[in-house]
């Protein structure tokens, strides 16, 4: 299989809910006015706590410093697995499940923290730039590794990276088993032809920027249902994750989903904000799903992580995660 280090240097930021009004102009520019910005990697995810924005350095320049803006200090590099036209295993599972054993678990063992961004099209594994040599030395036995440079794919080996030929050498500590919450919303993972983006502009602006009534926020406190909406525009491809209530606001003929039209349920990971240094958080969810061949999308945010699993599998996933929390050593 091939692993590509994409030609983007990314920042991960959060915008507070009450501070969003200060950023509506640059965010609308980044979403709708592609010819006015050189940003090629942009993702905006709303959760009950805040908005998480992942964007490249060109996009980052559009956002002015503010007390409402928190910036994670690292530069992140997105990795992407291509399976050379062959399925990466006999598994029909999609999403993070396909790369749980080959990428997520080995990096966790080498104490590399990852930030996941699954989209309709693919799964991006974000790693800190400073960890790149460890990432390459960990994965180069399993993958042909290429770095995208100006549209060309250049083969990479650990000796090509400063401080290459190394592994972290740290004992992989048993990760904290974080509590999970399973809200009742049903979610859709969808896409959209970028040329039709103007047709949904008013609805998208309304959902992203004007849907926070105090009544809704109060209703979300119990987490029976959760406020979650994600929009990504990456290298010209659009991905949307929303619950069925939000989906009803959009014209049905413009958004498309997989042929099965599958509905997804969320597993939200973390009791307290997770931070960016702990390793193994994604692995503790993706590994048991991979063992059971259950598809999953996975979206990390500034405070918490979110896995989406098929609705028909939510009961078995709930049982699996409850068992894992009773007996962490078994995971």
Protein backbone atom coordinates (compact mmCIF):
# COMPACT_ATOMS: atom_id res chain seq x y z
CA UNK A 1 0.00 0.00 0.00
CA UNK A 2 1.03 3.61 -0.50
CA UNK A 3 1.08 6.26 2.20
CA UNK A 4 1.13 9.87 1.01
CA UNK A 5 2.33 12.82 3.06
CA UNK A 6 0.22 15.54 1.49
CA UNK A 7 1.56 18.95 0.52
CA UNK A 8 -0.15 20.89 3.32
CA UNK A 9 1.12 22.30 6.62
CA UNK A 10 -1.89 22.57 8.90
CA UNK A 11 -2.95 24.40 12.03
CA UNK A 12 -5.66 23.26 14.44
CA UNK A 13 -7.61 26.04 16.15
CA UNK A 14 -10.76 26.53 18.16
CA UNK A 15 -13.17 29.45 18.05
CA UNK A 16 -15.41 30.02 21.06
CA UNK A 17 -19.16 29.92 20.48
CA UNK A 18 -19.66 33.54 21.54
CA UNK A 19 -16.63 34.63 19.50
CA UNK A 20 -17.79 33.21 16.18
CA UNK A 21 -19.36 36.52 15.16
CA UNK A 22 -15.82 37.96 14.89
CA UNK A 23 -14.86 35.41 12.25
CA UNK A 24 -17.93 35.07 10.02
CA UNK A 25 -16.37 37.15 7.22
CA UNK A 26 -13.10 35.18 6.86
CA UNK A 27 -14.92 31.84 7.31
CA UNK A 28 -17.47 32.69 4.60
CA UNK A 29 -14.55 33.67 2.35
CA UNK A 30 -12.80 30.33 3.02
CA UNK A 31 -15.97 28.30 2.39
CA UNK A 32 -17.53 30.08 -0.60
CA UNK A 33 -14.94 32.31 -2.29
CA UNK A 34 -12.31 29.82 -3.41
CA UNK A 35 -10.99 32.21 -6.07
CA UNK A 36 -10.29 34.83 -3.37
CA UNK A 37 -8.06 32.66 -1.18
CA UNK A 38 -5.13 30.30 -1.71
CA UNK A 39 -6.34 27.99 1.05
CA UNK A 40 -6.56 24.38 -0.19
CA UNK A 41 -7.32 22.54 3.07
CA UNK A 42 -10.20 23.76 5.23
CA UNK A 43 -12.42 22.01 7.75
CA UNK A 44 -14.90 23.53 10.22
CA UNK A 45 -16.64 21.39 12.85
CA UNK A 46 -19.21 22.63 15.35
CA UNK A 47 -19.58 20.78 18.67
CA UNK A 48 -21.46 21.85 21.81
CA UNK A 49 -18.25 23.39 23.22
CA UNK A 50 -16.76 25.33 20.32
CA UNK A 51 -15.86 25.37 16.63
CA UNK A 52 -12.76 23.47 15.51
CA UNK A 53 -11.04 24.74 12.37
CA UNK A 54 -8.28 22.78 10.61
CA UNK A 55 -6.68 24.73 7.80
CA UNK A 56 -3.45 25.27 5.94
CA UNK A 57 -1.09 28.19 6.45
CA UNK A 58 -2.70 30.25 3.66
CA UNK A 59 -6.09 29.87 5.35
CA UNK A 60 -4.63 30.56 8.79
CA UNK A 61 -3.48 34.00 7.55
CA UNK A 62 -7.16 34.94 7.08
CA UNK A 63 -7.91 34.67 10.83
CA UNK A 64 -6.90 37.56 13.04
CA UNK A 65 -5.57 36.86 16.56
CA UNK A 66 -8.32 37.18 19.15
CA UNK A 67 -9.15 36.19 22.71
CA UNK A 68 -11.83 33.96 21.14
CA UNK A 69 -9.24 32.00 19.13
CA UNK A 70 -7.10 29.18 20.59
CA UNK A 71 -4.28 27.87 18.39
CA UNK A 72 -2.66 24.49 19.01
CA UNK A 73 1.06 25.18 18.81
CA UNK A 74 2.08 22.34 16.43
CA UNK A 75 2.29 22.22 12.66
CA UNK A 76 0.37 19.13 11.52
CA UNK A 77 0.95 17.11 8.33
CA UNK A 78 -1.90 15.12 6.75
CA UNK A 79 -1.24 11.52 5.75
CA UNK A 80 -3.48 9.55 3.42
CA UNK A 81 -3.45 5.82 2.59
CA UNK A 82 -3.98 4.69 -1.00
CA UNK A 83 -4.45 0.99 -1.59
CA UNK A 84 -3.14 0.80 -5.19
CA UNK A 85 -6.58 -0.01 -6.50
CA UNK A 86 -6.78 -3.10 -4.28
CA UNK A 87 -8.79 -3.27 -1.09
CA UNK A 88 -6.36 -2.87 1.80
CA UNK A 89 -7.73 -6.12 3.21
CA UNK A 90 -10.58 -8.51 2.46
CA UNK A 91 -12.66 -6.33 4.77
CA UNK A 92 -15.54 -4.39 3.28
CA UNK A 93 -15.44 -2.00 6.24
CA UNK A 94 -14.78 1.63 5.36
CA UNK A 95 -13.23 4.61 7.07
CA UNK A 96 -10.74 4.50 9.91
CA UNK A 97 -11.35 0.75 10.38
CA UNK A 98 -9.29 0.00 7.26
CA UNK A 99 -6.18 1.68 8.68
CA UNK A 100 -6.59 0.80 12.39
CA UNK A 101 -4.08 -2.04 12.37
CA UNK A 102 -1.65 -0.77 9.73
CA UNK A 103 -1.36 2.91 10.77
CA UNK A 104 -3.21 3.88 13.95
CA UNK A 105 -2.02 1.07 16.25
CA UNK A 106 1.70 1.18 15.25
CA UNK A 107 1.82 4.97 15.72
CA UNK A 108 0.17 4.68 19.14
CA UNK A 109 2.78 2.08 20.13
CA UNK A 110 5.51 4.53 19.12
CA UNK A 111 3.90 7.26 21.23
CA UNK A 112 2.85 9.37 18.24
CA UNK A 113 -0.36 11.31 18.82
CA UNK A 114 -2.68 11.60 15.83
CA UNK A 115 -5.57 13.91 14.96
CA UNK A 116 -8.11 12.24 12.68
CA UNK A 117 -10.30 13.83 10.04
CA UNK A 118 -12.54 11.42 8.13
CA UNK A 119 -14.43 12.85 5.17
CA UNK A 120 -16.92 11.45 2.64
CA UNK A 121 -13.98 10.81 0.29
CA UNK A 122 -11.14 9.59 2.52
CA UNK A 123 -9.48 9.58 5.94
CA UNK A 124 -6.77 12.06 6.83
CA UNK A 125 -4.35 11.09 9.60
CA UNK A 126 -2.74 14.28 10.94
CA UNK A 127 0.64 13.93 12.67
CA UNK A 128 2.85 16.61 14.17
CA UNK A 129 5.63 17.72 11.84
CA UNK A 130 8.19 17.10 14.60
CA UNK A 131 7.12 13.42 14.71
CA UNK A 132 7.58 12.82 10.96
CA UNK A 133 10.84 10.85 11.25
CA UNK A 134 9.26 8.51 13.83
CA UNK A 135 6.17 8.13 11.61
CA UNK A 136 8.26 7.17 8.57
CA UNK A 137 10.52 4.73 10.42
CA UNK A 138 7.45 3.12 12.03
CA UNK A 139 5.44 2.70 8.84
CA UNK A 140 7.98 2.21 6.05
CA UNK A 141 8.02 -1.60 6.36
CA UNK A 142 4.27 -1.71 5.68
CA UNK A 143 3.97 1.15 3.15
CA UNK A 144 5.62 2.79 0.18
CA UNK A 145 5.81 6.34 1.55
CA UNK A 146 5.64 9.37 -0.74
CA UNK A 147 5.77 13.07 -0.02
CA UNK A 148 3.67 15.27 -2.30
CA UNK A 149 5.78 18.19 -3.50
CA UNK A 150 4.29 20.61 -6.02
CA UNK A 151 2.02 17.95 -7.50
CA UNK A 152 4.77 15.29 -7.71
CA UNK A 153 4.99 12.21 -5.48
CA UNK A 154 8.56 11.88 -4.17
CA UNK A 155 9.54 8.60 -2.44
CA UNK A 156 10.50 9.14 1.21
CA UNK A 157 12.70 7.12 3.54
CA UNK A 158 13.57 7.82 7.14
CA UNK A 159 17.11 8.86 6.18
CA UNK A 160 15.51 11.69 4.13
CA UNK A 161 14.18 13.31 7.30
CA UNK A 162 16.31 15.21 9.84
CA UNK A 163 16.78 12.93 12.88
CA UNK A 164 15.62 10.00 10.77
CA UNK A 165 16.28 6.31 11.42
CA UNK A 166 14.77 6.50 14.85
CA UNK A 167 11.84 5.37 16.86
CA UNK A 168 10.65 7.05 20.00
CA UNK A 169 12.05 4.32 22.19
CA UNK A 170 9.54 5.19 24.89
CA UNK A 171 7.67 2.43 26.62
CA UNK A 172 4.15 2.51 25.18
CA UNK A 173 2.12 3.26 28.27
CA UNK A 174 -1.36 1.86 28.72
CA UNK A 175 -3.57 4.72 27.52
CA UNK A 176 -6.30 6.16 29.70
CA UNK A 177 -9.61 4.52 28.82
CA UNK A 178 -11.83 7.56 28.29
CA UNK A 179 -15.56 7.64 28.99
CA UNK A 180 -17.85 7.66 25.99
CA UNK A 181 -21.27 9.17 25.35
CA UNK A 182 -23.64 7.89 22.65
CA UNK A 183 -26.13 10.61 21.70
CA UNK A 184 -29.41 9.71 20.05
CA UNK A 185 -29.05 11.71 16.83
CA UNK A 186 -28.76 9.89 13.52
CA UNK A 187 -26.04 11.28 11.26
CA UNK A 188 -25.43 11.41 7.50
CA UNK A 189 -22.03 11.58 5.78
CA UNK A 190 -22.55 13.43 2.51
CA UNK A 191 -20.89 15.24 -0.35
CA UNK A 192 -21.74 17.97 -2.81
CA UNK A 193 -20.55 19.04 -6.24
CA UNK A 194 -18.51 22.21 -5.52
CA UNK A 195 -20.23 23.94 -8.47
CA UNK A 196 -23.55 23.67 -6.63
CA UNK A 197 -22.18 25.14 -3.38
CA UNK A 198 -23.73 28.57 -4.12
CA UNK A 199 -27.16 26.90 -4.30
CA UNK A 200 -26.98 25.90 -0.63
CA UNK A 201 -25.10 29.00 0.58
CA UNK A 202 -27.94 30.55 2.55
CA UNK A 203 -28.85 27.24 4.22
CA UNK A 204 -25.23 26.46 5.05
CA UNK A 205 -24.66 29.93 6.51
CA UNK A 206 -27.84 29.59 8.54
CA UNK A 207 -26.89 26.16 9.93
CA UNK A 208 -23.28 27.12 10.69
CA UNK A 209 -23.68 30.64 12.02
CA UNK A 210 -27.27 31.25 13.10
CA UNK A 211 -28.60 27.98 14.52
CA UNK A 212 -27.46 28.54 18.11
CA UNK A 213 -30.62 29.52 19.88
CA UNK A 214 -30.36 29.44 23.71
CA UNK A 215 -33.24 26.96 23.70
CA UNK A 216 -31.25 24.53 21.52
CA UNK A 217 -28.17 24.85 23.72
CA UNK A 218 -30.23 24.10 26.81
CA UNK A 219 -31.71 21.05 25.09
CA UNK A 220 -28.22 19.79 24.25
CA UNK A 221 -27.03 19.94 27.85
CA UNK A 222 -28.40 16.47 28.55
CA UNK A 223 -26.57 15.08 25.47
CA UNK A 224 -29.63 13.04 24.48
CA UNK A 225 -28.91 14.70 21.15
CA UNK A 226 -25.74 16.58 20.38
CA UNK A 227 -24.93 19.63 18.27
CA UNK A 228 -22.48 18.41 15.64
CA UNK A 229 -21.94 19.68 12.10
CA UNK A 230 -18.80 19.33 10.01
CA UNK A 231 -17.93 20.95 6.66
CA UNK A 232 -14.68 20.23 4.80
CA UNK A 233 -13.36 21.67 1.54
CA UNK A 234 -10.07 19.90 0.82
CA UNK A 235 -8.30 20.03 -2.53
CA UNK A 236 -11.61 20.81 -4.23
CA UNK A 237 -13.67 18.05 -2.58
CA UNK A 238 -16.55 18.83 -0.21
CA UNK A 239 -17.62 16.64 2.69
CA UNK A 240 -20.48 17.27 5.13
CA UNK A 241 -21.41 15.45 8.33
CA UNK A 242 -24.74 16.45 9.87
CA UNK A 243 -27.64 14.94 11.74
CA UNK A 244 -30.90 14.13 10.00
CA UNK A 245 -32.55 17.23 11.48
CA UNK A 246 -29.99 19.52 9.82
CA UNK A 247 -30.15 17.47 6.61
CA UNK A 248 -33.86 18.24 6.24
CA UNK A 249 -33.00 21.93 5.80
CA UNK A 250 -30.97 21.23 2.63
CA UNK A 251 -32.36 20.52 -0.87
CA UNK A 252 -32.46 16.72 -1.17
CA UNK A 253 -31.36 16.67 -4.80
CA UNK A 254 -28.01 18.45 -4.24
CA UNK A 255 -26.42 16.47 -1.40
CA UNK A 256 -25.41 12.91 -2.16
CA UNK A 257 -24.40 10.03 0.05
CA UNK A 258 -23.26 6.45 -0.54
CA UNK A 259 -25.59 4.23 -2.54
CA UNK A 260 -26.75 2.52 0.65
CA UNK A 261 -27.84 5.87 2.10
CA UNK A 262 -26.55 4.67 5.44
CA UNK A 263 -27.35 6.41 8.72
CA UNK A 264 -24.65 6.65 11.38
CA UNK A 265 -24.58 6.93 15.17
CA UNK A 266 -21.96 8.81 17.14
CA UNK A 267 -19.61 7.66 19.87
CA UNK A 268 -18.20 10.76 21.55
CA UNK A 269 -14.93 10.11 23.38
CA UNK A 270 -13.75 12.02 26.45
CA UNK A 271 -15.10 13.22 29.79
CA UNK A 272 -12.67 16.14 30.01
CA UNK A 273 -11.01 17.87 27.02
CA UNK A 274 -8.50 15.38 25.64
CA UNK A 275 -5.59 17.64 24.68
CA UNK A 276 -3.16 16.93 21.86
CA UNK A 277 -0.32 14.95 23.45
CA UNK A 278 -1.94 11.73 24.64
CA UNK A 279 -1.41 8.74 22.37
CA UNK A 280 -3.68 5.79 21.70
CA UNK A 281 -7.07 7.52 21.95
CA UNK A 282 -8.01 6.75 18.35
CA UNK A 283 -6.53 3.24 18.64
CA UNK A 284 -8.65 2.32 21.66
CA UNK A 285 -11.79 2.91 19.57
CA UNK A 286 -10.61 1.88 16.09
CA UNK A 287 -8.91 -1.38 17.12
CA UNK A 288 -12.02 -3.16 18.52
CA UNK A 289 -14.06 -1.87 15.55
CA UNK A 290 -11.48 -3.30 13.16
CA UNK A 291 -11.50 -6.63 15.04
CA UNK A 292 -15.27 -6.77 14.47
CA UNK A 293 -15.05 -5.43 10.89
CA UNK A 294 -17.30 -2.45 11.69
CA UNK A 295 -16.94 0.65 9.51
CA UNK A 296 -16.25 3.97 11.21
CA UNK A 297 -15.62 7.58 10.35
CA UNK A 298 -13.55 9.44 12.95
CA UNK A 299 -13.40 13.20 13.51
CA UNK A 300 -11.10 14.68 16.14
CA UNK A 301 -11.89 18.16 17.43
CA UNK A 302 -10.14 20.63 19.70
CA UNK A 303 -11.75 19.19 22.84
CA UNK A 304 -13.16 15.73 22.13
CA UNK A 305 -13.09 12.90 19.57
CA UNK A 306 -16.07 11.54 17.63
CA UNK A 307 -16.48 8.18 15.91
CA UNK A 308 -19.43 7.49 13.61
CA UNK A 309 -20.53 3.87 13.25
CA UNK A 310 -23.40 2.37 11.20
CA UNK A 311 -26.69 2.59 13.04
CA UNK A 312 -27.26 -1.16 12.78
CA UNK A 313 -24.00 -1.75 14.70
CA UNK A 314 -24.57 0.71 17.57
CA UNK A 315 -25.80 -1.93 20.04
CA UNK A 316 -22.79 -4.21 19.52
CA UNK A 317 -20.43 -1.20 19.59
CA UNK A 318 -21.98 -0.01 22.87
CA UNK A 319 -21.56 -3.49 24.41
CA UNK A 320 -17.97 -3.69 23.15
CA UNK A 321 -17.01 -0.30 24.60
CA UNK A 322 -18.73 -1.01 27.93
CA UNK A 323 -16.79 -4.28 28.19
CA UNK A 324 -13.56 -2.43 27.35
CA UNK A 325 -14.22 0.05 30.16
CA UNK A 326 -14.88 -2.72 32.70
CA UNK A 327 -11.73 -4.57 31.67
CA UNK A 328 -9.20 -2.12 30.07
CA UNK A 329 -6.49 -4.80 29.97
CA UNK A 330 -8.58 -6.77 27.48
CA UNK A 331 -8.53 -3.97 24.89
